Amino acid sequence: MRGRTGAARIYDLAVEMGESYSAACGIGLMKKGLMARYGWVEKTALMRAVKAAVDPKGIMNLGEGGMM
């Protein structure tokens, strides 16, 4: 556990308990790297597919570097 931030410890504990590290507000820029860490590969792919369907030109959230 050494070297992890307090937030990472809380996220790990939540996932170990079968919960999510994120809630209704979405993933956000700070947490997007955690998707792979917690094995949410399928969820990430689904989110990308939805984003592509809703925003085929990729013009939403330009300042954030895209969804993922």
N, C-alpha and C. Protein backbone atom coordinates (compact mmCIF):
# COMPACT_ATOMS: atom_id res chain seq x y z
N MET A 1 0.80 -1.20 0.00
CA MET A 1 0.00 0.00 0.00
C MET A 1 0.84 1.27 0.00
N ARG A 2 2.09 1.16 0.29
CA ARG A 2 2.93 2.36 0.34
C ARG A 2 3.02 3.00 -1.03
N GLY A 3 3.08 4.32 -1.02
CA GLY A 3 3.25 5.06 -2.25
C GLY A 3 1.94 5.45 -2.93
N ARG A 4 0.84 4.90 -2.49
CA ARG A 4 -0.44 5.27 -3.08
C ARG A 4 -1.02 6.46 -2.35
N THR A 5 -1.78 7.24 -3.07
CA THR A 5 -2.43 8.39 -2.45
C THR A 5 -3.59 7.91 -1.59
N GLY A 6 -4.08 8.78 -0.73
CA GLY A 6 -5.24 8.44 0.07
C GLY A 6 -6.44 8.10 -0.80
N ALA A 7 -6.60 8.84 -1.88
CA ALA A 7 -7.72 8.56 -2.79
C ALA A 7 -7.60 7.17 -3.39
N ALA A 8 -6.39 6.79 -3.80
CA ALA A 8 -6.19 5.46 -4.40
C ALA A 8 -6.52 4.36 -3.40
N ARG A 9 -6.17 4.57 -2.15
CA ARG A 9 -6.48 3.58 -1.11
C ARG A 9 -8.00 3.43 -0.94
N ILE A 10 -8.69 4.56 -0.96
CA ILE A 10 -10.15 4.53 -0.84
C ILE A 10 -10.77 3.83 -2.04
N TYR A 11 -10.30 4.15 -3.25
CA TYR A 11 -10.83 3.52 -4.46
C TYR A 11 -10.59 2.01 -4.41
N ASP A 12 -9.38 1.61 -4.03
CA ASP A 12 -9.07 0.18 -3.94
C ASP A 12 -9.99 -0.52 -2.95
N LEU A 13 -10.20 0.09 -1.81
CA LEU A 13 -11.07 -0.50 -0.79
C LEU A 13 -12.50 -0.62 -1.32
N ALA A 14 -12.99 0.41 -1.98
CA ALA A 14 -14.34 0.36 -2.53
C ALA A 14 -14.48 -0.77 -3.53
N VAL A 15 -13.51 -0.91 -4.42
CA VAL A 15 -13.57 -1.97 -5.43
C VAL A 15 -13.47 -3.35 -4.78
N GLU A 16 -12.62 -3.49 -3.77
CA GLU A 16 -12.51 -4.76 -3.04
C GLU A 16 -13.84 -5.16 -2.40
N MET A 17 -14.63 -4.16 -2.02
CA MET A 17 -15.92 -4.41 -1.39
C MET A 17 -17.05 -4.58 -2.42
N GLY A 18 -16.67 -4.58 -3.71
CA GLY A 18 -17.66 -4.77 -4.76
C GLY A 18 -18.38 -3.50 -5.17
N GLU A 19 -17.84 -2.38 -4.77
CA GLU A 19 -18.45 -1.08 -5.10
C GLU A 19 -17.68 -0.42 -6.24
N SER A 20 -18.08 0.79 -6.57
CA SER A 20 -17.46 1.56 -7.64
C SER A 20 -16.59 2.66 -7.05
N TYR A 21 -15.57 3.05 -7.77
CA TYR A 21 -14.73 4.17 -7.34
C TYR A 21 -15.26 5.49 -7.86
N SER A 22 -16.32 5.45 -8.61
CA SER A 22 -16.92 6.66 -9.15
C SER A 22 -18.42 6.57 -9.01
N ALA A 23 -19.07 7.72 -9.09
CA ALA A 23 -20.53 7.72 -8.89
C ALA A 23 -21.22 8.48 -10.00
N ALA A 24 -22.32 9.09 -9.67
CA ALA A 24 -23.21 9.70 -10.65
C ALA A 24 -22.56 10.79 -11.51
N CYS A 25 -21.52 11.40 -11.02
CA CYS A 25 -20.89 12.48 -11.77
C CYS A 25 -20.00 11.99 -12.90
N GLY A 26 -19.80 10.70 -13.00
CA GLY A 26 -18.98 10.16 -14.09
C GLY A 26 -17.54 9.93 -13.67
N ILE A 27 -16.72 9.71 -14.66
CA ILE A 27 -15.32 9.38 -14.41
C ILE A 27 -14.47 10.62 -14.24
N GLY A 28 -14.52 11.53 -15.16
CA GLY A 28 -13.74 12.75 -15.08
C GLY A 28 -12.28 12.52 -15.47
N LEU A 29 -11.58 13.62 -15.65
CA LEU A 29 -10.20 13.55 -16.10
C LEU A 29 -9.28 12.88 -15.10
N MET A 30 -9.50 13.12 -13.82
CA MET A 30 -8.60 12.57 -12.81
C MET A 30 -8.73 11.06 -12.66
N LYS A 31 -9.89 10.51 -13.00
CA LYS A 31 -10.12 9.09 -12.79
C LYS A 31 -10.09 8.25 -14.05
N LYS A 32 -9.96 8.87 -15.21
CA LYS A 32 -10.08 8.08 -16.44
C LYS A 32 -9.01 7.00 -16.55
N GLY A 33 -7.83 7.21 -16.00
CA GLY A 33 -6.78 6.20 -16.04
C GLY A 33 -7.07 4.99 -15.15
N LEU A 34 -8.03 5.13 -14.26
CA LEU A 34 -8.36 4.04 -13.35
C LEU A 34 -9.21 2.97 -14.02
N MET A 35 -9.83 3.28 -15.15
CA MET A 35 -10.70 2.31 -15.81
C MET A 35 -9.95 1.01 -16.08
N ALA A 36 -8.76 1.09 -16.64
CA ALA A 36 -7.98 -0.11 -16.93
C ALA A 36 -7.47 -0.75 -15.64
N ARG A 37 -7.10 0.07 -14.67
CA ARG A 37 -6.57 -0.44 -13.40
C ARG A 37 -7.56 -1.38 -12.72
N TYR A 38 -8.83 -1.05 -12.79
CA TYR A 38 -9.84 -1.85 -12.14
C TYR A 38 -10.54 -2.82 -13.09
N GLY A 39 -9.95 -3.04 -14.26
CA GLY A 39 -10.44 -4.07 -15.17
C GLY A 39 -11.75 -3.75 -15.86
N TRP A 40 -12.02 -2.49 -16.05
CA TRP A 40 -13.28 -2.10 -16.69
C TRP A 40 -13.09 -1.91 -18.18
N VAL A 41 -12.44 -2.83 -18.83
CA VAL A 41 -12.14 -2.73 -20.25
C VAL A 41 -13.44 -2.71 -21.07
N GLU A 42 -14.37 -3.59 -20.73
CA GLU A 42 -15.64 -3.64 -21.47
C GLU A 42 -16.44 -2.36 -21.27
N LYS A 43 -16.45 -1.84 -20.06
CA LYS A 43 -17.18 -0.60 -19.79
C LYS A 43 -16.56 0.56 -20.56
N THR A 44 -15.24 0.59 -20.63
CA THR A 44 -14.56 1.64 -21.37
C THR A 44 -14.92 1.56 -22.85
N ALA A 45 -14.93 0.36 -23.40
CA ALA A 45 -15.27 0.18 -24.81
C ALA A 45 -16.71 0.61 -25.08
N LEU A 46 -17.61 0.28 -24.18
CA LEU A 46 -19.01 0.68 -24.33
C LEU A 46 -19.14 2.20 -24.28
N MET A 47 -18.44 2.83 -23.35
CA MET A 47 -18.50 4.29 -23.24
C MET A 47 -17.95 4.96 -24.50
N ARG A 48 -16.90 4.40 -25.05
CA ARG A 48 -16.34 4.95 -26.30
C ARG A 48 -17.32 4.80 -27.46
N ALA A 49 -18.02 3.66 -27.51
CA ALA A 49 -19.00 3.42 -28.57
C ALA A 49 -20.17 4.40 -28.46
N VAL A 50 -20.64 4.63 -27.24
CA VAL A 50 -21.73 5.58 -27.02
C VAL A 50 -21.26 6.98 -27.42
N LYS A 51 -20.06 7.36 -27.00
CA LYS A 51 -19.52 8.67 -27.35
C LYS A 51 -19.42 8.83 -28.86
N ALA A 52 -18.96 7.82 -29.55
CA ALA A 52 -18.84 7.88 -31.01
C ALA A 52 -20.21 8.02 -31.68
N ALA A 53 -21.22 7.36 -31.13
CA ALA A 53 -22.56 7.44 -31.69
C ALA A 53 -23.18 8.81 -31.45
N VAL A 54 -22.95 9.37 -30.29
CA VAL A 54 -23.53 10.67 -29.93
C VAL A 54 -22.75 11.82 -30.54
N ASP A 55 -21.45 11.65 -30.67
CA ASP A 55 -20.56 12.72 -31.13
C ASP A 55 -19.63 12.20 -32.23
N PRO A 56 -20.18 11.85 -33.39
CA PRO A 56 -19.35 11.24 -34.44
C PRO A 56 -18.22 12.14 -34.96
N LYS A 57 -18.38 13.45 -34.83
CA LYS A 57 -17.33 14.37 -35.30
C LYS A 57 -16.31 14.68 -34.21
N GLY A 58 -16.54 14.20 -33.01
CA GLY A 58 -15.58 14.41 -31.93
C GLY A 58 -15.44 15.85 -31.49
N ILE A 59 -16.55 16.58 -31.50
CA ILE A 59 -16.47 18.00 -31.16
C ILE A 59 -16.83 18.30 -29.71
N MET A 60 -17.32 17.33 -28.98
CA MET A 60 -17.67 17.55 -27.57
C MET A 60 -16.43 17.38 -26.68
N ASN A 61 -16.31 18.21 -25.67
CA ASN A 61 -15.21 18.15 -24.71
C ASN A 61 -13.84 18.28 -25.35
N LEU A 62 -13.73 19.19 -26.30
CA LEU A 62 -12.44 19.38 -26.99
C LEU A 62 -11.30 19.73 -26.05
N GLY A 63 -11.57 20.57 -25.08
CA GLY A 63 -10.52 21.00 -24.16
C GLY A 63 -10.07 19.92 -23.20
N GLU A 64 -10.76 18.81 -23.17
CA GLU A 64 -10.42 17.73 -22.24
C GLU A 64 -9.69 16.59 -22.93
N GLY A 65 -9.38 16.73 -24.17
CA GLY A 65 -8.62 15.70 -24.87
C GLY A 65 -9.44 14.47 -25.21
N GLY A 66 -10.71 14.61 -25.32
CA GLY A 66 -11.55 13.47 -25.67
C GLY A 66 -12.02 12.72 -24.45
N MET A 67 -12.84 11.73 -24.67
CA MET A 67 -13.44 11.01 -23.54
C MET A 67 -12.43 10.16 -22.81
N MET A 68 -11.59 9.42 -23.53
CA MET A 68 -10.64 8.53 -22.88
C MET A 68 -9.39 8.41 -23.67
